[in-house]
């Protein structure tokens, strides 16, 4: 890796950390960057997952004020997030990727549309205030598990999926949902860091360049997200999710 390649990855990591904290999907900045410097796709995917994981942690620090009062909820869903992420890692390491690559774009775009039409969908599934406590808990764990499963497998646009799923089942402001998203993304990132670090074909030189940049970008992005009005934040997340989904679909079809 020469100086120009290192500079490219440094800029990509900073941008990815910022985007992950605001909307999610920053991996789609670093992943193509790793492919551009010549990494094989599987090695790039694994190295990318490890590189963006520390940025999630700094996002949690930047949005910690919006986590106040969510402690009990966090303790309940953390095991679900860990189990889902482990299952996703297992899928990546032991199953063919082609089929999932074709499904992923629709998951991402579906998540963005879910957030866009959240009010109407709540009319179908029931507003969180109107859902029974037991049903609400089941829906929350299901949303977290499915998002963690995806995050353990591919990770890109994980934030979009989490915000969409959590906003649908929780009666919280989007800022508080985004803060919870940052925490869960951090946990999922820690799981992938551990599993891929042991079993995956990691390029540690690339990780050493990108990871610190995502930390700086993650903190910056979380601070920006807290200052954005809810409607603006929603538009940013939905727009980015649709763009990410379209990109993934084109990439899967031409692969």
C-alpha atoms as a PDB file:
ATOM      1  CA  UNK A   1       0.000   0.000   0.000  1.00  0.00           C
ATOM      2  CA  UNK A   2       1.554   3.287  -1.153  1.00  0.00           C
ATOM      3  CA  UNK A   3       1.008   6.829   0.159  1.00  0.00           C
ATOM      4  CA  UNK A   4      -1.752   7.651  -2.352  1.00  0.00           C
ATOM      5  CA  UNK A   5      -3.691   4.498  -1.441  1.00  0.00           C
ATOM      6  CA  UNK A   6      -3.303   5.248   2.266  1.00  0.00           C
ATOM      7  CA  UNK A   7      -4.586   8.810   1.720  1.00  0.00           C
ATOM      8  CA  UNK A   8      -7.594   7.498  -0.197  1.00  0.00           C
ATOM      9  CA  UNK A   9      -8.464   5.116   2.632  1.00  0.00           C
ATOM     10  CA  UNK A  10      -7.945   7.822   5.268  1.00  0.00           C
ATOM     11  CA  UNK A  11     -10.414  10.177   3.588  1.00  0.00           C
ATOM     12  CA  UNK A  12     -12.863   7.326   3.010  1.00  0.00           C
ATOM     13  CA  UNK A  13     -12.678   6.317   6.676  1.00  0.00           C
ATOM     14  CA  UNK A  14     -13.359   9.848   7.904  1.00  0.00           C
ATOM     15  CA  UNK A  15     -16.348  10.202   5.575  1.00  0.00           C
ATOM     16  CA  UNK A  16     -17.673   6.749   6.474  1.00  0.00           C
ATOM     17  CA  UNK A  17     -17.540   7.400  10.214  1.00  0.00           C
ATOM     18  CA  UNK A  18     -19.446  10.661   9.774  1.00  0.00           C
ATOM     19  CA  UNK A  19     -22.093   9.105   7.524  1.00  0.00           C
ATOM     20  CA  UNK A  20     -22.530   6.074   9.810  1.00  0.00           C
ATOM     21  CA  UNK A  21     -23.310   8.289  12.783  1.00  0.00           C
ATOM     22  CA  UNK A  22     -25.837  10.383  10.861  1.00  0.00           C
ATOM     23  CA  UNK A  23     -27.573   7.926   8.572  1.00  0.00           C
ATOM     24  CA  UNK A  24     -25.667   4.652   8.309  1.00  0.00           C
ATOM     25  CA  UNK A  25     -24.206   3.215   5.131  1.00  0.00           C
ATOM     26  CA  UNK A  26     -20.681   4.561   5.525  1.00  0.00           C
ATOM     27  CA  UNK A  27     -19.285   1.127   4.704  1.00  0.00           C
ATOM     28  CA  UNK A  28     -20.258   1.790   1.104  1.00  0.00           C
ATOM     29  CA  UNK A  29     -17.583   4.480   1.080  1.00  0.00           C
ATOM     30  CA  UNK A  30     -14.770   2.406   2.570  1.00  0.00           C
ATOM     31  CA  UNK A  31     -15.658  -0.899   0.878  1.00  0.00           C
ATOM     32  CA  UNK A  32     -15.254   0.413  -2.710  1.00  0.00           C
ATOM     33  CA  UNK A  33     -12.081   2.181  -1.568  1.00  0.00           C
ATOM     34  CA  UNK A  34     -10.602  -1.127  -0.428  1.00  0.00           C
ATOM     35  CA  UNK A  35     -11.595  -2.761  -3.693  1.00  0.00           C
ATOM     36  CA  UNK A  36      -9.966   0.152  -5.556  1.00  0.00           C
ATOM     37  CA  UNK A  37      -6.557  -0.514  -3.980  1.00  0.00           C
ATOM     38  CA  UNK A  38      -6.735  -4.158  -5.038  1.00  0.00           C
ATOM     39  CA  UNK A  39      -8.163  -6.129  -2.108  1.00  0.00           C
ATOM     40  CA  UNK A  40     -10.222  -9.246  -3.035  1.00  0.00           C
ATOM     41  CA  UNK A  41     -13.935  -8.799  -2.282  1.00  0.00           C
ATOM     42  CA  UNK A  42     -14.111 -11.128   0.733  1.00  0.00           C
ATOM     43  CA  UNK A  43     -10.960  -9.690   2.286  1.00  0.00           C
ATOM     44  CA  UNK A  44     -12.301  -6.174   1.620  1.00  0.00           C
ATOM     45  CA  UNK A  45     -15.643  -7.023   3.239  1.00  0.00           C
ATOM     46  CA  UNK A  46     -14.012  -8.481   6.362  1.00  0.00           C
ATOM     47  CA  UNK A  47     -11.406  -5.715   6.645  1.00  0.00           C
ATOM     48  CA  UNK A  48     -14.136  -3.136   6.115  1.00  0.00           C
ATOM     49  CA  UNK A  49     -16.244  -4.554   8.945  1.00  0.00           C
ATOM     50  CA  UNK A  50     -13.294  -4.340  11.328  1.00  0.00           C
ATOM     51  CA  UNK A  51     -12.341  -0.856  10.173  1.00  0.00           C
ATOM     52  CA  UNK A  52     -15.734   0.783  10.774  1.00  0.00           C
ATOM     53  CA  UNK A  53     -16.384  -0.924  14.133  1.00  0.00           C
ATOM     54  CA  UNK A  54     -14.388   1.587  16.266  1.00  0.00           C
ATOM     55  CA  UNK A  55     -16.261   4.473  14.632  1.00  0.00           C
ATOM     56  CA  UNK A  56     -19.520   3.152  16.052  1.00  0.00           C
ATOM     57  CA  UNK A  57     -18.080   3.435  19.559  1.00  0.00           C
ATOM     58  CA  UNK A  58     -17.209   7.103  19.096  1.00  0.00           C
ATOM     59  CA  UNK A  59     -20.739   7.684  17.761  1.00  0.00           C
ATOM     60  CA  UNK A  60     -22.081   6.382  21.067  1.00  0.00           C
ATOM     61  CA  UNK A  61     -19.977   8.934  22.954  1.00  0.00           C
ATOM     62  CA  UNK A  62     -21.221  11.716  20.719  1.00  0.00           C
ATOM     63  CA  UNK A  63     -24.900  10.786  21.224  1.00  0.00           C
ATOM     64  CA  UNK A  64     -24.751   9.627  24.861  1.00  0.00           C
ATOM     65  CA  UNK A  65     -27.145  12.352  26.051  1.00  0.00           C
ATOM     66  CA  UNK A  66     -29.957  10.736  24.059  1.00  0.00           C
ATOM     67  CA  UNK A  67     -29.321   7.359  25.685  1.00  0.00           C
ATOM     68  CA  UNK A  68     -30.378   8.641  29.096  1.00  0.00           C
ATOM     69  CA  UNK A  69     -33.428   6.714  30.315  1.00  0.00           C
ATOM     70  CA  UNK A  70     -32.938   3.815  27.888  1.00  0.00           C
ATOM     71  CA  UNK A  71     -30.764   1.682  30.158  1.00  0.00           C
ATOM     72  CA  UNK A  72     -33.300  -1.072  30.846  1.00  0.00           C
ATOM     73  CA  UNK A  73     -34.216  -1.354  27.165  1.00  0.00           C
ATOM     74  CA  UNK A  74     -30.547  -1.556  26.211  1.00  0.00           C
ATOM     75  CA  UNK A  75     -29.853  -4.383  28.658  1.00  0.00           C
ATOM     76  CA  UNK A  76     -32.791  -6.345  27.243  1.00  0.00           C
ATOM     77  CA  UNK A  77     -31.803  -6.140  23.585  1.00  0.00           C
ATOM     78  CA  UNK A  78     -28.013  -6.446  23.818  1.00  0.00           C
ATOM     79  CA  UNK A  79     -28.054 -10.287  23.974  1.00  0.00           C
ATOM     80  CA  UNK A  80     -30.364 -10.335  20.948  1.00  0.00           C
ATOM     81  CA  UNK A  81     -27.969  -8.094  19.032  1.00  0.00           C
ATOM     82  CA  UNK A  82     -24.997 -10.306  19.914  1.00  0.00           C
ATOM     83  CA  UNK A  83     -26.775 -13.513  18.852  1.00  0.00           C
ATOM     84  CA  UNK A  84     -27.961 -11.966  15.591  1.00  0.00           C
ATOM     85  CA  UNK A  85     -24.486 -10.663  14.757  1.00  0.00           C
ATOM     86  CA  UNK A  86     -22.910 -14.065  15.466  1.00  0.00           C
ATOM     87  CA  UNK A  87     -25.406 -15.716  13.127  1.00  0.00           C
ATOM     88  CA  UNK A  88     -24.606 -13.152  10.433  1.00  0.00           C
ATOM     89  CA  UNK A  89     -20.868 -13.758  10.779  1.00  0.00           C
ATOM     90  CA  UNK A  90     -21.506 -17.473  10.445  1.00  0.00           C
ATOM     91  CA  UNK A  91     -23.446 -16.879   7.224  1.00  0.00           C
ATOM     92  CA  UNK A  92     -20.594 -14.910   5.697  1.00  0.00           C
ATOM     93  CA  UNK A  93     -17.941 -17.468   6.615  1.00  0.00           C
ATOM     94  CA  UNK A  94     -19.892 -20.606   5.674  1.00  0.00           C
ATOM     95  CA  UNK A  95     -22.417 -19.852   2.904  1.00  0.00           C
ATOM     96  CA  UNK A  96     -22.276 -18.631  -0.727  1.00  0.00           C
ATOM     97  CA  UNK A  97     -22.588 -14.885  -1.055  1.00  0.00           C
ATOM     98  CA  UNK A  98     -24.326 -14.545  -4.431  1.00  0.00           C
ATOM     99  CA  UNK A  99     -27.906 -15.104  -3.260  1.00  0.00           C
ATOM    100  CA  UNK A 100     -27.591 -12.788  -0.289  1.00  0.00           C
ATOM    101  CA  UNK A 101     -25.985 -10.100  -2.459  1.00  0.00           C
ATOM    102  CA  UNK A 102     -29.149 -10.079  -4.568  1.00  0.00           C
ATOM    103  CA  UNK A 103     -31.390  -9.797  -1.494  1.00  0.00           C
ATOM    104  CA  UNK A 104     -29.413  -7.100   0.343  1.00  0.00           C
ATOM    105  CA  UNK A 105     -30.354  -4.157  -1.954  1.00  0.00           C
ATOM    106  CA  UNK A 106     -34.050  -4.802  -1.419  1.00  0.00           C
ATOM    107  CA  UNK A 107     -33.535  -5.019   2.348  1.00  0.00           C
ATOM    108  CA  UNK A 108     -31.796  -1.644   2.363  1.00  0.00           C
ATOM    109  CA  UNK A 109     -34.341   0.102   0.132  1.00  0.00           C
ATOM    110  CA  UNK A 110     -37.158  -1.528   2.086  1.00  0.00           C
ATOM    111  CA  UNK A 111     -35.696  -0.144   5.295  1.00  0.00           C
ATOM    112  CA  UNK A 112     -35.496   3.353   3.829  1.00  0.00           C
ATOM    113  CA  UNK A 113     -39.099   3.181   2.604  1.00  0.00           C
ATOM    114  CA  UNK A 114     -40.192   1.837   5.987  1.00  0.00           C
ATOM    115  CA  UNK A 115     -38.787   4.943   7.619  1.00  0.00           C
ATOM    116  CA  UNK A 116     -40.297   7.200   4.937  1.00  0.00           C
ATOM    117  CA  UNK A 117     -43.801   5.771   5.412  1.00  0.00           C
ATOM    118  CA  UNK A 118     -43.450   5.121   9.136  1.00  0.00           C
ATOM    119  CA  UNK A 119     -46.708   6.864  10.071  1.00  0.00           C
ATOM    120  CA  UNK A 120     -48.799   4.844   7.608  1.00  0.00           C
ATOM    121  CA  UNK A 121     -47.133   1.572   8.570  1.00  0.00           C
ATOM    122  CA  UNK A 122     -47.825   2.266  12.216  1.00  0.00           C
ATOM    123  CA  UNK A 123     -51.475   2.447  11.262  1.00  0.00           C
ATOM    124  CA  UNK A 124     -51.186  -1.150  10.055  1.00  0.00           C
ATOM    125  CA  UNK A 125     -49.035  -2.662  12.805  1.00  0.00           C
ATOM    126  CA  UNK A 126     -50.251  -0.376  15.568  1.00  0.00           C
ATOM    127  CA  UNK A 127     -48.605   2.674  17.121  1.00  0.00           C
ATOM    128  CA  UNK A 128     -46.101   1.748  19.866  1.00  0.00           C
ATOM    129  CA  UNK A 129     -48.380   3.390  22.449  1.00  0.00           C
ATOM    130  CA  UNK A 130     -51.262   1.164  21.354  1.00  0.00           C
ATOM    131  CA  UNK A 131     -49.347  -2.139  21.152  1.00  0.00           C
ATOM    132  CA  UNK A 132     -49.437  -4.457  24.153  1.00  0.00           C
ATOM    133  CA  UNK A 133     -46.277  -4.631  26.243  1.00  0.00           C
ATOM    134  CA  UNK A 134     -45.633  -8.271  25.354  1.00  0.00           C
ATOM    135  CA  UNK A 135     -46.142  -7.700  21.624  1.00  0.00           C
ATOM    136  CA  UNK A 136     -43.979  -4.592  21.727  1.00  0.00           C
ATOM    137  CA  UNK A 137     -41.097  -6.492  23.322  1.00  0.00           C
ATOM    138  CA  UNK A 138     -41.350  -9.287  20.741  1.00  0.00           C
ATOM    139  CA  UNK A 139     -41.367  -6.789  17.861  1.00  0.00           C
ATOM    140  CA  UNK A 140     -38.355  -4.959  19.317  1.00  0.00           C
ATOM    141  CA  UNK A 141     -36.304  -8.144  19.697  1.00  0.00           C
ATOM    142  CA  UNK A 142     -37.280  -9.305  16.205  1.00  0.00           C
ATOM    143  CA  UNK A 143     -36.219  -5.986  14.666  1.00  0.00           C
ATOM    144  CA  UNK A 144     -32.899  -5.995  16.526  1.00  0.00           C
ATOM    145  CA  UNK A 145     -32.153  -9.637  15.661  1.00  0.00           C
ATOM    146  CA  UNK A 146     -32.817  -9.228  11.943  1.00  0.00           C
ATOM    147  CA  UNK A 147     -30.743  -6.042  11.768  1.00  0.00           C
ATOM    148  CA  UNK A 148     -27.891  -7.649  13.718  1.00  0.00           C
ATOM    149  CA  UNK A 149     -28.037 -10.688  11.430  1.00  0.00           C
ATOM    150  CA  UNK A 150     -27.613  -8.401   8.442  1.00  0.00           C
ATOM    151  CA  UNK A 151     -24.894  -6.394  10.195  1.00  0.00           C
ATOM    152  CA  UNK A 152     -22.878  -9.491  10.985  1.00  0.00           C
ATOM    153  CA  UNK A 153     -23.045 -10.549   7.351  1.00  0.00           C
ATOM    154  CA  UNK A 154     -22.466  -7.376   5.335  1.00  0.00           C
ATOM    155  CA  UNK A 155     -22.808  -4.321   7.613  1.00  0.00           C
ATOM    156  CA  UNK A 156     -23.284  -1.659   4.911  1.00  0.00           C
ATOM    157  CA  UNK A 157     -26.365   0.511   5.614  1.00  0.00           C
ATOM    158  CA  UNK A 158     -26.838  -1.212   8.973  1.00  0.00           C
ATOM    159  CA  UNK A 159     -27.736   2.162  10.464  1.00  0.00           C
ATOM    160  CA  UNK A 160     -30.552   2.668   7.967  1.00  0.00           C
ATOM    161  CA  UNK A 161     -31.999  -0.742   8.823  1.00  0.00           C
ATOM    162  CA  UNK A 162     -31.723  -0.137  12.570  1.00  0.00           C
ATOM    163  CA  UNK A 163     -33.287   3.322  12.487  1.00  0.00           C
ATOM    164  CA  UNK A 164     -36.167   2.079  10.335  1.00  0.00           C
ATOM    165  CA  UNK A 165     -36.835  -0.971  12.498  1.00  0.00           C
ATOM    166  CA  UNK A 166     -36.470   0.776  15.843  1.00  0.00           C
ATOM    167  CA  UNK A 167     -38.527   3.811  14.816  1.00  0.00           C
ATOM    168  CA  UNK A 168     -41.353   1.508  13.799  1.00  0.00           C
ATOM    169  CA  UNK A 169     -41.612  -0.268  17.155  1.00  0.00           C
ATOM    170  CA  UNK A 170     -40.490   2.396  19.634  1.00  0.00           C
ATOM    171  CA  UNK A 171     -42.331   5.529  20.731  1.00  0.00           C
ATOM    172  CA  UNK A 172     -39.226   7.718  20.828  1.00  0.00           C
ATOM    173  CA  UNK A 173     -37.853  10.769  19.059  1.00  0.00           C
ATOM    174  CA  UNK A 174     -35.690  10.102  16.038  1.00  0.00           C
ATOM    175  CA  UNK A 175     -32.664  11.491  17.885  1.00  0.00           C
ATOM    176  CA  UNK A 176     -33.105   8.933  20.693  1.00  0.00           C
ATOM    177  CA  UNK A 177     -33.675   6.163  18.157  1.00  0.00           C
ATOM    178  CA  UNK A 178     -30.495   7.237  16.366  1.00  0.00           C
ATOM    179  CA  UNK A 179     -28.557   7.124  19.649  1.00  0.00           C
ATOM    180  CA  UNK A 180     -29.799   3.588  20.326  1.00  0.00           C
ATOM    181  CA  UNK A 181     -28.866   2.704  16.743  1.00  0.00           C
ATOM    182  CA  UNK A 182     -25.315   3.899  17.425  1.00  0.00           C
ATOM    183  CA  UNK A 183     -25.028   1.733  20.531  1.00  0.00           C
ATOM    184  CA  UNK A 184     -26.387  -1.396  18.855  1.00  0.00           C
ATOM    185  CA  UNK A 185     -24.157  -0.794  15.830  1.00  0.00           C
ATOM    186  CA  UNK A 186     -21.207  -0.597  18.217  1.00  0.00           C
ATOM    187  CA  UNK A 187     -22.111  -3.930  19.808  1.00  0.00           C
ATOM    188  CA  UNK A 188     -22.613  -5.592  16.426  1.00  0.00           C
ATOM    189  CA  UNK A 189     -19.313  -4.098  15.295  1.00  0.00           C
ATOM    190  CA  UNK A 190     -17.550  -5.546  18.350  1.00  0.00           C
ATOM    191  CA  UNK A 191     -18.895  -9.008  17.527  1.00  0.00           C
ATOM    192  CA  UNK A 192     -17.722  -8.791  13.914  1.00  0.00           C
ATOM    193  CA  UNK A 193     -14.376  -7.414  15.096  1.00  0.00           C
ATOM    194  CA  UNK A 194     -13.877 -10.475  17.296  1.00  0.00           C
ATOM    195  CA  UNK A 195     -15.117 -13.137  14.866  1.00  0.00           C
ATOM    196  CA  UNK A 196     -13.519 -11.782  11.699  1.00  0.00           C
ATOM    197  CA  UNK A 197     -10.321 -10.904  13.568  1.00  0.00           C
ATOM    198  CA  UNK A 198      -9.917 -14.581  14.450  1.00  0.00           C
ATOM    199  CA  UNK A 199     -11.388 -16.373  11.445  1.00  0.00           C
ATOM    200  CA  UNK A 200     -11.503 -13.876   8.558  1.00  0.00           C
ATOM    201  CA  UNK A 201      -8.898 -12.916   5.906  1.00  0.00           C
ATOM    202  CA  UNK A 202      -8.186  -9.490   7.405  1.00  0.00           C
ATOM    203  CA  UNK A 203      -5.751  -7.003   5.865  1.00  0.00           C
ATOM    204  CA  UNK A 204      -4.499  -5.394   9.078  1.00  0.00           C
ATOM    205  CA  UNK A 205      -2.551  -2.642   7.315  1.00  0.00           C
ATOM    206  CA  UNK A 206      -5.770  -1.352   5.769  1.00  0.00           C
ATOM    207  CA  UNK A 207      -7.587  -1.588   9.106  1.00  0.00           C
ATOM    208  CA  UNK A 208      -4.796   0.389  10.792  1.00  0.00           C
ATOM    209  CA  UNK A 209      -5.353   3.274   8.359  1.00  0.00           C
ATOM    210  CA  UNK A 210      -9.150   3.300   8.155  1.00  0.00           C
ATOM    211  CA  UNK A 211     -10.195   2.534  11.749  1.00  0.00           C
ATOM    212  CA  UNK A 212      -8.785   5.702  13.420  1.00  0.00           C
ATOM    213  CA  UNK A 213     -10.400   7.831  10.711  1.00  0.00           C
ATOM    214  CA  UNK A 214     -13.822   6.287  11.347  1.00  0.00           C
ATOM    215  CA  UNK A 215     -13.461   7.083  15.067  1.00  0.00           C
ATOM    216  CA  UNK A 216     -12.953  10.783  14.342  1.00  0.00           C
ATOM    217  CA  UNK A 217     -15.743  10.800  11.763  1.00  0.00           C
ATOM    218  CA  UNK A 218     -18.138   8.917  14.046  1.00  0.00           C
ATOM    219  CA  UNK A 219     -17.851  11.462  16.838  1.00  0.00           C
ATOM    220  CA  UNK A 220     -18.276  14.366  14.429  1.00  0.00           C
ATOM    221  CA  UNK A 221     -21.292  12.769  12.764  1.00  0.00           C
ATOM    222  CA  UNK A 222     -23.039  12.055  16.058  1.00  0.00           C
ATOM    223  CA  UNK A 223     -22.693  15.699  17.095  1.00  0.00           C
ATOM    224  CA  UNK A 224     -24.111  16.837  13.754  1.00  0.00           C
ATOM    225  CA  UNK A 225     -27.028  14.383  13.981  1.00  0.00           C
ATOM    226  CA  UNK A 226     -28.103  15.779  17.352  1.00  0.00           C
ATOM    227  CA  UNK A 227     -28.411  19.279  15.864  1.00  0.00           C
ATOM    228  CA  UNK A 228     -30.486  18.291  12.831  1.00  0.00           C
ATOM    229  CA  UNK A 229     -34.291  18.736  13.057  1.00  0.00           C
ATOM    230  CA  UNK A 230     -36.161  15.396  12.977  1.00  0.00           C
ATOM    231  CA  UNK A 231     -37.698  15.966   9.494  1.00  0.00           C
ATOM    232  CA  UNK A 232     -34.296  16.825   8.026  1.00  0.00           C
ATOM    233  CA  UNK A 233     -32.648  13.826   9.686  1.00  0.00           C
ATOM    234  CA  UNK A 234     -35.405  11.575   8.363  1.00  0.00           C
ATOM    235  CA  UNK A 235     -34.977  12.878   4.788  1.00  0.00           C
ATOM    236  CA  UNK A 236     -31.200  12.395   4.995  1.00  0.00           C
ATOM    237  CA  UNK A 237     -31.536   8.805   6.207  1.00  0.00           C
ATOM    238  CA  UNK A 238     -34.235   7.865   3.684  1.00  0.00           C
ATOM    239  CA  UNK A 239     -32.388   9.438   0.765  1.00  0.00           C
ATOM    240  CA  UNK A 240     -29.102   7.832   1.663  1.00  0.00           C
ATOM    241  CA  UNK A 241     -30.788   4.469   2.159  1.00  0.00           C
ATOM    242  CA  UNK A 242     -32.363   4.555  -1.297  1.00  0.00           C
ATOM    243  CA  UNK A 243     -29.083   5.566  -2.908  1.00  0.00           C
ATOM    244  CA  UNK A 244     -27.232   2.818  -1.056  1.00  0.00           C
ATOM    245  CA  UNK A 245     -29.837   0.229  -2.059  1.00  0.00           C
ATOM    246  CA  UNK A 246     -29.697   1.241  -5.703  1.00  0.00           C
ATOM    247  CA  UNK A 247     -25.905   1.074  -5.673  1.00  0.00           C
ATOM    248  CA  UNK A 248     -25.941  -2.410  -4.140  1.00  0.00           C
ATOM    249  CA  UNK A 249     -28.517  -3.628  -6.663  1.00  0.00           C
ATOM    250  CA  UNK A 250     -26.493  -2.396  -9.641  1.00  0.00           C
ATOM    251  CA  UNK A 251     -23.314  -3.902  -8.185  1.00  0.00           C
ATOM    252  CA  UNK A 252     -25.014  -7.261  -7.620  1.00  0.00           C
ATOM    253  CA  UNK A 253     -26.513  -7.373 -11.131  1.00  0.00           C
ATOM    254  CA  UNK A 254     -23.268  -6.589 -12.932  1.00  0.00           C
ATOM    255  CA  UNK A 255     -21.107  -8.830 -10.748  1.00  0.00           C
END
